[in-house]
Structures are given as C-alpha cells and as structure tokens.
C-alpha cells in the first residue's frame, strides 16, 4: 500500500492522538481486535458483523471482571477487504499499534489464516471461526503432533460437509456423476485435494467426480467447465465458490443448457442476499447450514435462543437472518468466557484460558483439547439446507438433512432442481 505525504501525516497524527488518548485508561480497558471481510467478494460473510459488534457493546457495557479486577471493553473492528495481505496488515496494526488484549477473526481462510499467522508470530491469543478446519490447520502448515500455540479455532470440517452433501444426494435418484468447481484458493485446494477433500470419499461411496481443474476467482467464463460437465452427463454439481463466481456460473449453465438434478455449493449459497441476486435461479439450490433459527442452542452471554437472535437481527437490520450471525456472536461468547476464567489479562494467561474452554454457545459446544481432531480445533455441528420460495422473504433456507446432527430439526427433504 502506498501512502502520499498528506495521508501519511494524517495517519501519523491520528495514531499519535489515539495513543495519547488511550494511555490514560488503557490499563483498565480490555481491547478485542475483530478482523472480518466487510468489503470485497467475501463481504456477505461480514454483512452482520457490525450489528454483532453493536450488540456486544451492550453486553459488555458494564465491563468484564478478570481475576477480581473490573475492566471496560473496547471492540476494534477491522476490514480485511477480502484480501489475505490486507488481513495480515490490519492484524499487525491491531497488535502493534492498538495494543489489543485478544484477537478474534472470522470468515474463510483468506481472512482467518493470515490473521492467525500474525497472532502466532506475535504471541497474541486468537480465537477464529467460519472456516473449515482443514484449510485453517493444514493451510497454515500445522503439525498434527504439535498443533499451534496461540491460535484456537472452532467450526466444522470437510468430512462434515462431504457427509451432508452426499447424504442429500443419496436421497435423490441420480446417476451419481458429480461435477466439481474448485477455485485456486485455500478453500478450493482443500476441497479438491485428492486425499483430504472430496475426490477420495466420493469414489468410496460410488460417485464419480469430473474435476476440470482449478480456476481463478473472478472468472468471467465457465464455458469449459460447463462443456466438461455436459460431456460427462453429470446430475450433480458441487464445489466451493465465492458468491460472484457462483452467479456467473449458474447464469451461464442455464444459458448453455446444463440442467443437473442437484446443485450443492459451499460458501456461495449461504446468504439470502446472494440467493435473491440470482433471481429465479435461486430456487432449489442447496448448501451447508452451520447455524439457523432452528438450531437448539442458547447464548451464554445474552440468554437468547438461536431463534431469538435471528429475530433480533432481522428487526435491528431490516434484513433476513444470515448464518454468520451465530458464529460472530459465539466468538464473543468464547472471548467473554475466556476473560472470566483467566488468571490475568496477560497473553499467556489468556491463551491458557482459551485452551481450557468447555462451554455451550449459540452454535453448540466449544471445547478444545478433544474431541476435536487436533488440540487447537473444536468442531461444531453441520446440516444440509435447501433454498425454497419464502413467504416473508423471497427465499427461505430449509434444513433438509440432519443425519450428522440429529438434535437439529429438519423442515423438509431435499427436492431435485
């Protein structure tokens, strides 16, 4: 990033003022840094995060007590701009300039991984979510024998998304031919990985996968992929796409006569705004559901049920509930619980308190050190959903398969496109 002289002076002056104004009370204030994609192609992941921060300000208005001492709480939200380099940059600023006490980060490996790497480097305790654990762990070259020291993650894994997707497909009459759309990014490389991703389990279950190879995010022409899928006669299309690419692909697939029985995509089909933008193409699309008003969980902070939290978001934002609402909320639940159990606000004491977490949140149980796959990973439940014509909103996301999380009720069954 280049700075002209005027911008540099303004930035330096602002930093000096901020430094001067905070030094008087910084000792009695806990600062939580929060990095999320508020703009760019991943912005739908961060759509609800400013609303969540406002809710958290209310929850923390009376402060938090750590080891018998009362602290006020300040939340500093930073935009990763959907860019890994930017995510690392703002994380460094939060640690080195803003002197945060704790980092929380959310939404895809493009944001979580660089922020967590910066935290690991600077010995800053960090809690992350909204990224399958494989791209988070292996994408950061994690060693299963050692794990990480300063960074802890809660979310589901590729084994859960594969299980949900295939459970749904098995309920339909298809030829079991699957077309894969895997971009050349951390998610795409993990989902398309022959050993860790979709190919191996699909083969073991009797599905055949047509993978035309990695494409670049922002691709404007999916004709080659569509031609490959038509040639193989695929009945099912899957993959992990950013929302703009999904719109491009779905529009071109319809134009070029590709009509599968199921389109089940990760990432791109999670959000009501993105589905509405597809117009009539949105009906019948299916995707993973990490959180919904139907989830039988309650917030440890606000005592709201999942249904209550979703309703509060809709009322406060005038928008339809969206899945990241629950996980952004849960980040601050875990943060609050960490502070209440910590011996002090020192980084090492907070790190130890995070590692010892075992609590029920709005997204389910969060516990590190087991039964997750590694000591830094805690798994949350996952089900399958399908977009259907709605009443209050244009489309509703209905849970259609819960074989991997029976405690989350279904609202229907998967229907062919």
Protein backbone atom coordinates (compact mmCIF):
# COMPACT_ATOMS: atom_id res chain seq x y z
CA UNK A 1 0.00 0.00 0.00
CA UNK A 2 1.45 3.37 -0.97
CA UNK A 3 0.89 6.49 1.14
CA UNK A 4 1.18 10.03 -0.15
CA UNK A 5 2.67 12.66 2.17
CA UNK A 6 -0.69 14.09 3.23
CA UNK A 7 -2.15 10.66 4.05
CA UNK A 8 1.00 9.74 5.96
CA UNK A 9 0.81 12.90 8.07
CA UNK A 10 -2.90 12.40 8.75
CA UNK A 11 -2.38 8.75 9.67
CA UNK A 12 0.58 9.52 11.92
CA UNK A 13 -1.29 12.35 13.61
CA UNK A 14 -4.35 10.19 14.17
CA UNK A 15 -2.19 7.46 15.64
CA UNK A 16 -0.50 9.95 17.95
CA UNK A 17 -3.85 11.29 19.15
CA UNK A 18 -5.18 7.76 19.66
CA UNK A 19 -2.04 6.82 21.56
CA UNK A 20 -2.27 9.90 23.78
CA UNK A 21 -5.98 9.48 24.48
CA UNK A 22 -5.75 5.79 25.36
CA UNK A 23 -2.66 5.70 27.55
CA UNK A 24 -4.55 7.25 30.47
CA UNK A 25 -7.09 4.44 30.66
CA UNK A 26 -5.59 1.59 28.65
CA UNK A 27 -4.58 -0.31 31.80
CA UNK A 28 -8.24 -0.65 32.81
CA UNK A 29 -9.57 -1.47 29.35
CA UNK A 30 -9.67 -4.76 27.52
CA UNK A 31 -9.30 -4.29 23.77
CA UNK A 32 -10.66 -7.00 21.49
CA UNK A 33 -9.49 -6.86 17.88
CA UNK A 34 -12.00 -8.23 15.37
CA UNK A 35 -10.97 -8.85 11.73
CA UNK A 36 -13.64 -9.69 9.16
CA UNK A 37 -14.33 -9.12 5.43
CA UNK A 38 -16.70 -6.14 5.38
CA UNK A 39 -15.99 -5.34 1.72
CA UNK A 40 -14.83 -7.23 -1.38
CA UNK A 41 -16.10 -10.53 -2.85
CA UNK A 42 -16.44 -12.11 0.63
CA UNK A 43 -18.41 -9.20 2.10
CA UNK A 44 -21.57 -11.28 2.57
CA UNK A 45 -19.67 -13.21 5.25
CA UNK A 46 -19.20 -9.98 7.20
CA UNK A 47 -22.61 -8.48 6.44
CA UNK A 48 -23.91 -8.88 10.00
CA UNK A 49 -20.68 -8.21 11.90
CA UNK A 50 -21.16 -4.51 12.59
CA UNK A 51 -24.59 -5.34 14.01
CA UNK A 52 -22.98 -8.02 16.19
CA UNK A 53 -20.40 -5.56 17.46
CA UNK A 54 -23.15 -3.12 18.48
CA UNK A 55 -24.93 -5.95 20.32
CA UNK A 56 -21.67 -6.86 22.06
CA UNK A 57 -21.11 -3.28 23.15
CA UNK A 58 -24.41 -3.53 25.01
CA UNK A 59 -23.47 -6.89 26.51
CA UNK A 60 -20.13 -5.53 27.71
CA UNK A 61 -21.30 -2.03 28.74
CA UNK A 62 -20.74 -2.78 32.43
CA UNK A 63 -17.32 -4.24 31.76
CA UNK A 64 -15.77 -7.66 32.45
CA UNK A 65 -14.11 -8.87 35.64
CA UNK A 66 -10.78 -10.67 35.22
CA UNK A 67 -9.19 -12.19 38.32
CA UNK A 68 -11.22 -9.90 40.59
CA UNK A 69 -10.47 -6.70 38.67
CA UNK A 70 -13.07 -4.82 36.60
CA UNK A 71 -12.18 -3.81 33.02
CA UNK A 72 -14.11 -1.85 30.45
CA UNK A 73 -14.28 -3.43 26.99
CA UNK A 74 -13.47 -1.86 23.63
CA UNK A 75 -14.02 -3.72 20.34
CA UNK A 76 -11.91 -2.64 17.37
CA UNK A 77 -13.37 -3.99 14.12
CA UNK A 78 -11.14 -4.03 11.03
CA UNK A 79 -12.00 -4.83 7.41
CA UNK A 80 -9.83 -7.44 5.69
CA UNK A 81 -11.31 -6.27 2.36
CA UNK A 82 -11.47 -9.99 1.41
CA UNK A 83 -7.70 -9.80 0.85
CA UNK A 84 -5.19 -12.01 2.73
CA UNK A 85 -2.46 -9.36 2.61
CA UNK A 86 -4.82 -6.73 3.98
CA UNK A 87 -5.97 -9.13 6.69
CA UNK A 88 -2.38 -9.64 7.85
CA UNK A 89 -1.74 -5.89 7.73
CA UNK A 90 -4.71 -4.90 9.91
CA UNK A 91 -3.93 -7.75 12.31
CA UNK A 92 -0.40 -6.40 12.74
CA UNK A 93 -1.78 -2.90 13.32
CA UNK A 94 -4.20 -4.14 15.97
CA UNK A 95 -1.41 -5.94 17.83
CA UNK A 96 1.47 -3.49 17.46
CA UNK A 97 -0.30 -0.11 17.28
CA UNK A 98 -3.65 -0.57 19.02
CA UNK A 99 -2.16 -2.90 21.66
CA UNK A 100 -5.15 -5.23 21.75
CA UNK A 101 -5.62 -7.75 24.53
CA UNK A 102 -7.21 -10.50 22.43
CA UNK A 103 -7.83 -11.16 18.72
CA UNK A 104 -10.97 -12.70 17.21
CA UNK A 105 -11.28 -13.35 13.47
CA UNK A 106 -13.87 -14.81 11.14
CA UNK A 107 -14.79 -15.84 7.62
CA UNK A 108 -12.88 -18.04 5.18
CA UNK A 109 -9.16 -18.89 5.12
CA UNK A 110 -8.47 -15.68 3.19
CA UNK A 111 -9.07 -13.82 6.46
CA UNK A 112 -8.60 -16.33 9.27
CA UNK A 113 -5.27 -17.80 8.16
CA UNK A 114 -3.18 -14.64 7.72
CA UNK A 115 -4.60 -13.15 10.93
CA UNK A 116 -3.88 -16.32 12.88
CA UNK A 117 -0.36 -16.49 11.43
CA UNK A 118 0.31 -12.91 12.55
CA UNK A 119 -1.02 -13.75 16.02
CA UNK A 120 1.14 -16.88 16.26
CA UNK A 121 4.19 -14.80 15.27
CA UNK A 122 3.43 -12.05 17.80
CA UNK A 123 2.32 -14.36 20.63
CA UNK A 124 -1.19 -12.91 20.64
CA UNK A 125 -4.05 -15.17 21.83
CA UNK A 126 -6.56 -15.58 19.00
CA UNK A 127 -9.95 -17.26 18.51
CA UNK A 128 -11.11 -17.92 14.93
CA UNK A 129 -14.15 -19.38 13.18
CA UNK A 130 -16.09 -19.59 9.88
CA UNK A 131 -13.50 -21.66 8.02
CA UNK A 132 -13.45 -25.46 7.67
CA UNK A 133 -10.75 -26.74 9.97
CA UNK A 134 -8.67 -28.44 7.24
CA UNK A 135 -7.85 -25.25 5.27
CA UNK A 136 -7.33 -23.47 8.60
CA UNK A 137 -4.98 -26.11 10.02
CA UNK A 138 -3.23 -27.62 7.01
CA UNK A 139 -3.41 -24.37 5.03
CA UNK A 140 -1.18 -22.90 7.76
CA UNK A 141 1.14 -25.92 7.60
CA UNK A 142 0.01 -27.13 11.00
CA UNK A 143 1.79 -30.12 12.51
CA UNK A 144 -0.79 -32.61 13.90
CA UNK A 145 1.70 -33.68 16.57
CA UNK A 146 2.21 -30.13 17.85
CA UNK A 147 -0.77 -28.02 16.79
CA UNK A 148 -0.46 -24.28 17.34
CA UNK A 149 0.38 -22.32 20.50
CA UNK A 150 -1.57 -19.06 20.29
CA UNK A 151 -4.45 -19.74 17.89
CA UNK A 152 -7.63 -21.74 18.50
CA UNK A 153 -10.39 -22.47 16.00
CA UNK A 154 -13.99 -23.69 16.16
CA UNK A 155 -16.01 -24.78 13.10
CA UNK A 156 -16.83 -27.94 11.16
CA UNK A 157 -14.60 -29.87 8.75
CA UNK A 158 -14.63 -31.12 5.19
CA UNK A 159 -15.67 -34.56 6.44
CA UNK A 160 -18.88 -32.94 7.70
CA UNK A 161 -19.66 -31.03 4.52
CA UNK A 162 -18.92 -34.12 2.40
CA UNK A 163 -21.15 -36.21 4.65
CA UNK A 164 -24.03 -33.73 4.46
CA UNK A 165 -23.77 -33.18 0.72
CA UNK A 166 -23.63 -36.90 -0.09
CA UNK A 167 -26.41 -37.77 2.37
CA UNK A 168 -28.60 -35.33 0.49
CA UNK A 169 -27.60 -36.64 -2.95
CA UNK A 170 -28.26 -40.24 -1.88
CA UNK A 171 -31.88 -39.29 -1.22
CA UNK A 172 -32.32 -38.33 -4.91
CA UNK A 173 -32.44 -40.57 -7.97
CA UNK A 174 -29.27 -39.64 -9.88
CA UNK A 175 -26.56 -41.28 -11.99
CA UNK A 176 -24.05 -40.42 -9.21
CA UNK A 177 -21.98 -38.35 -11.63
CA UNK A 178 -20.67 -35.21 -9.93
CA UNK A 179 -19.11 -32.10 -11.46
CA UNK A 180 -16.66 -30.24 -9.21
CA UNK A 181 -15.95 -26.49 -9.13
CA UNK A 182 -12.81 -25.84 -7.08
CA UNK A 183 -11.01 -22.48 -7.35
CA UNK A 184 -7.31 -21.92 -6.96
CA UNK A 185 -7.51 -20.63 -3.38
CA UNK A 186 -7.16 -22.11 0.10
CA UNK A 187 -10.75 -23.40 0.18
CA UNK A 188 -10.73 -24.76 -3.37
CA UNK A 189 -7.39 -26.50 -2.98
CA UNK A 190 -8.55 -28.13 0.26
CA UNK A 191 -11.99 -29.19 -1.04
CA UNK A 192 -10.46 -30.53 -4.26
CA UNK A 193 -7.48 -32.22 -2.59
CA UNK A 194 -7.37 -35.87 -3.68
CA UNK A 195 -6.64 -37.18 -0.19
CA UNK A 196 -8.19 -34.64 2.20
CA UNK A 197 -11.03 -33.26 0.07
CA UNK A 198 -13.97 -34.56 -1.97
CA UNK A 199 -12.37 -36.97 -4.51
CA UNK A 200 -11.46 -39.91 -2.24
CA UNK A 201 -14.73 -40.19 -0.23
CA UNK A 202 -16.86 -39.66 -3.34
CA UNK A 203 -15.10 -42.55 -5.07
CA UNK A 204 -15.50 -44.74 -1.99
CA UNK A 205 -19.26 -44.01 -1.98
CA UNK A 206 -19.68 -44.88 -5.63
CA UNK A 207 -19.84 -41.35 -7.03
CA UNK A 208 -17.68 -40.34 -9.98
CA UNK A 209 -16.16 -36.85 -9.96
CA UNK A 210 -15.42 -34.72 -13.01
CA UNK A 211 -12.92 -32.06 -11.92
CA UNK A 212 -11.94 -29.72 -14.80
CA UNK A 213 -9.10 -28.27 -12.69
CA UNK A 214 -8.55 -25.13 -10.64
CA UNK A 215 -9.94 -21.85 -11.93
CA UNK A 216 -9.13 -18.33 -10.78
CA UNK A 217 -11.54 -16.41 -8.56
CA UNK A 218 -13.25 -13.73 -10.62
CA UNK A 219 -13.50 -15.96 -13.71
CA UNK A 220 -15.95 -14.49 -16.24
CA UNK A 221 -16.34 -17.54 -18.48
CA UNK A 222 -17.18 -21.05 -17.21
CA UNK A 223 -17.86 -22.48 -20.69
CA UNK A 224 -15.04 -25.03 -20.41
CA UNK A 225 -16.34 -26.38 -17.10
CA UNK A 226 -19.92 -26.45 -18.37
CA UNK A 227 -18.84 -28.32 -21.52
CA UNK A 228 -16.96 -30.90 -19.44
CA UNK A 229 -19.98 -31.46 -17.21
CA UNK A 230 -22.34 -31.81 -20.17
CA UNK A 231 -19.97 -34.25 -21.87
CA UNK A 232 -19.93 -36.49 -18.78
CA UNK A 233 -23.69 -36.10 -18.22
CA UNK A 234 -23.34 -35.02 -14.60
CA UNK A 235 -26.50 -34.99 -12.46
CA UNK A 236 -24.89 -33.23 -9.52
CA UNK A 237 -22.73 -30.11 -9.30
CA UNK A 238 -20.73 -29.23 -6.21
CA UNK A 239 -17.78 -27.08 -5.18
CA UNK A 240 -16.83 -24.07 -3.09
CA UNK A 241 -17.25 -20.72 -4.86
CA UNK A 242 -17.26 -17.06 -3.94
CA UNK A 243 -20.73 -15.51 -4.48
CA UNK A 244 -19.91 -13.51 -7.66
CA UNK A 245 -18.46 -16.59 -9.37
CA UNK A 246 -21.47 -18.70 -8.47
CA UNK A 247 -23.78 -16.16 -10.10
CA UNK A 248 -21.63 -16.17 -13.23
CA UNK A 249 -21.54 -19.97 -13.40
CA UNK A 250 -25.24 -20.54 -12.70
CA UNK A 251 -26.30 -17.95 -15.26
CA UNK A 252 -24.04 -19.42 -17.96
CA UNK A 253 -25.02 -23.02 -17.09
CA UNK A 254 -28.68 -22.16 -17.61
CA UNK A 255 -27.91 -20.38 -20.88
CA UNK A 256 -25.86 -23.33 -22.13
CA UNK A 257 -28.43 -25.99 -21.26
CA UNK A 258 -26.79 -27.61 -18.25
CA UNK A 259 -29.65 -28.83 -16.06
CA UNK A 260 -28.45 -31.05 -13.18
CA UNK A 261 -30.75 -32.57 -10.57
CA UNK A 262 -28.79 -31.06 -7.68
CA UNK A 263 -26.55 -28.01 -7.31
CA UNK A 264 -24.97 -28.09 -3.86
CA UNK A 265 -22.27 -25.46 -3.40
CA UNK A 266 -20.32 -24.40 -0.36
CA UNK A 267 -19.65 -20.75 0.54
CA UNK A 268 -21.54 -19.03 -2.31
CA UNK A 269 -25.08 -20.18 -1.50
CA UNK A 270 -25.05 -19.42 2.22
CA UNK A 271 -26.54 -15.96 2.16
CA UNK A 272 -30.09 -14.71 1.42
CA UNK A 273 -28.80 -11.58 -0.33
CA UNK A 274 -26.73 -13.74 -2.68
CA UNK A 275 -29.64 -16.07 -3.42
CA UNK A 276 -32.01 -13.15 -4.09
CA UNK A 277 -29.45 -11.75 -6.53
CA UNK A 278 -29.79 -14.95 -8.57
CA UNK A 279 -33.49 -14.29 -9.25
CA UNK A 280 -35.33 -17.43 -10.32
CA UNK A 281 -32.04 -19.37 -10.41
CA UNK A 282 -32.05 -19.45 -6.61
CA UNK A 283 -34.92 -21.91 -6.15
CA UNK A 284 -33.79 -25.42 -5.25
CA UNK A 285 -30.10 -24.68 -4.68
CA UNK A 286 -28.63 -26.48 -1.67
CA UNK A 287 -25.78 -25.73 0.69
CA UNK A 288 -24.33 -26.45 4.12
CA UNK A 289 -26.06 -24.94 7.16
CA UNK A 290 -23.80 -24.14 10.11
CA UNK A 291 -26.37 -22.10 12.05
CA UNK A 292 -30.06 -21.22 11.77
CA UNK A 293 -33.06 -20.14 13.88
CA UNK A 294 -33.86 -23.87 14.16
CA UNK A 295 -30.63 -24.72 15.97
CA UNK A 296 -31.43 -25.77 19.57
CA UNK A 297 -28.76 -23.62 21.22
CA UNK A 298 -28.74 -20.61 23.56
CA UNK A 299 -26.27 -17.76 24.03
CA UNK A 300 -24.25 -17.84 27.24
CA UNK A 301 -24.00 -14.04 27.04
CA UNK A 302 -27.49 -12.79 26.22
CA UNK A 303 -29.54 -15.93 27.02
CA UNK A 304 -31.14 -15.60 23.57
CA UNK A 305 -32.11 -18.77 21.72
CA UNK A 306 -30.94 -19.13 18.11
CA UNK A 307 -34.48 -18.21 17.06
CA UNK A 308 -34.42 -15.10 19.28
CA UNK A 309 -31.01 -13.98 17.98
CA UNK A 310 -32.10 -14.38 14.34
CA UNK A 311 -35.29 -12.41 15.04
CA UNK A 312 -33.32 -9.66 16.80
CA UNK A 313 -31.00 -9.37 13.80
CA UNK A 314 -33.92 -9.15 11.36
CA UNK A 315 -35.59 -6.46 13.47
CA UNK A 316 -32.40 -4.49 14.04
CA UNK A 317 -31.04 -4.67 10.49
CA UNK A 318 -34.22 -4.95 8.39
CA UNK A 319 -32.51 -7.88 6.65
CA UNK A 320 -33.08 -11.64 6.61
CA UNK A 321 -31.09 -13.69 9.12
CA UNK A 322 -27.78 -14.96 7.82
CA UNK A 323 -25.62 -17.83 9.07
CA UNK A 324 -22.56 -15.82 10.23
CA UNK A 325 -24.75 -14.05 12.85
CA UNK A 326 -24.49 -17.07 15.13
CA UNK A 327 -20.75 -17.59 14.76
CA UNK A 328 -19.77 -13.93 15.16
CA UNK A 329 -21.87 -13.92 18.33
CA UNK A 330 -20.19 -17.12 19.52
CA UNK A 331 -16.72 -15.60 19.05
CA UNK A 332 -17.56 -13.02 21.71
CA UNK A 333 -19.19 -15.65 23.93
CA UNK A 334 -15.91 -17.57 23.96
CA UNK A 335 -13.94 -14.34 24.46
CA UNK A 336 -16.08 -13.32 27.46
CA UNK A 337 -15.84 -16.78 28.99
CA UNK A 338 -12.07 -16.73 28.50
CA UNK A 339 -11.67 -13.44 30.36
CA UNK A 340 -13.85 -14.62 33.24
CA UNK A 341 -11.66 -17.71 33.74
CA UNK A 342 -8.24 -16.17 33.05
CA UNK A 343 -5.69 -15.58 35.82
CA UNK A 344 -4.90 -12.18 34.30
CA UNK A 345 -5.09 -10.28 31.01
CA UNK A 346 -1.53 -11.30 30.14
CA UNK A 347 -1.29 -13.07 26.75
CA UNK A 348 -0.08 -16.39 28.18
CA UNK A 349 -2.84 -16.48 30.78
CA UNK A 350 -5.49 -15.74 28.15
CA UNK A 351 -4.03 -18.40 25.86
CA UNK A 352 -4.23 -20.96 28.66
CA UNK A 353 -7.82 -19.98 29.45
CA UNK A 354 -8.80 -20.35 25.78
CA UNK A 355 -7.22 -23.80 25.62
CA UNK A 356 -9.22 -24.85 28.69
CA UNK A 357 -12.57 -23.70 27.20
CA UNK A 358 -15.51 -26.07 27.54
CA UNK A 359 -18.82 -24.24 27.14
CA UNK A 360 -22.18 -24.21 25.41
CA UNK A 361 -22.73 -21.38 22.94
CA UNK A 362 -25.30 -20.20 20.40
CA UNK A 363 -23.60 -22.53 17.86
CA UNK A 364 -23.22 -25.51 20.18
CA UNK A 365 -20.45 -26.80 22.42
CA UNK A 366 -16.97 -25.31 22.09
CA UNK A 367 -14.22 -27.36 23.72
CA UNK A 368 -10.53 -27.56 22.90
CA UNK A 369 -8.20 -30.43 23.69
CA UNK A 370 -10.74 -33.04 22.49
CA UNK A 371 -12.87 -34.46 20.99
CA UNK A 372 -11.72 -32.30 18.05
CA UNK A 373 -9.25 -33.69 15.52
CA UNK A 374 -6.38 -31.62 16.99
CA UNK A 375 -5.88 -29.74 20.24
CA UNK A 376 -6.48 -26.33 18.59
CA UNK A 377 -9.67 -27.38 16.76
CA UNK A 378 -13.18 -27.67 18.21
CA UNK A 379 -15.87 -28.99 15.87
CA UNK A 380 -19.40 -27.62 15.60
CA UNK A 381 -22.40 -29.42 14.03
CA UNK A 382 -23.42 -29.19 10.38
CA UNK A 383 -26.61 -29.99 8.46
CA UNK A 384 -27.83 -29.59 4.86
CA UNK A 385 -30.22 -26.90 3.67
CA UNK A 386 -32.15 -26.04 0.51
CA UNK A 387 -33.47 -22.68 -0.67
CA UNK A 388 -37.22 -22.68 -1.31
CA UNK A 389 -39.74 -19.96 -2.15
CA UNK A 390 -40.42 -17.99 1.01
CA UNK A 391 -43.32 -16.05 2.49
CA UNK A 392 -41.81 -13.12 4.41
CA UNK A 393 -38.68 -13.11 2.24
CA UNK A 394 -38.16 -14.23 -1.36
CA UNK A 395 -36.40 -17.44 -0.33
CA UNK A 396 -36.15 -19.43 2.90
CA UNK A 397 -33.32 -21.79 3.80
CA UNK A 398 -34.91 -25.08 4.97
CA UNK A 399 -32.91 -27.80 6.72
CA UNK A 400 -33.39 -30.94 4.60
CA UNK A 401 -30.92 -33.46 6.06
CA UNK A 402 -29.70 -33.82 9.66
CA UNK A 403 -28.15 -37.30 9.64
CA UNK A 404 -24.91 -35.93 11.10
CA UNK A 405 -26.60 -33.75 13.75
CA UNK A 406 -29.89 -35.33 14.81
CA UNK A 407 -30.52 -32.70 17.50
CA UNK A 408 -31.06 -30.03 14.81
CA UNK A 409 -34.59 -30.47 13.39
CA UNK A 410 -35.33 -30.66 9.67
CA UNK A 411 -38.04 -28.69 7.93
CA UNK A 412 -38.36 -30.84 4.81
CA UNK A 413 -36.44 -33.17 2.49
CA UNK A 414 -34.11 -32.43 -0.42
CA UNK A 415 -36.02 -31.95 -3.69
CA UNK A 416 -34.48 -32.23 -7.18
CA UNK A 417 -33.88 -28.99 -9.07
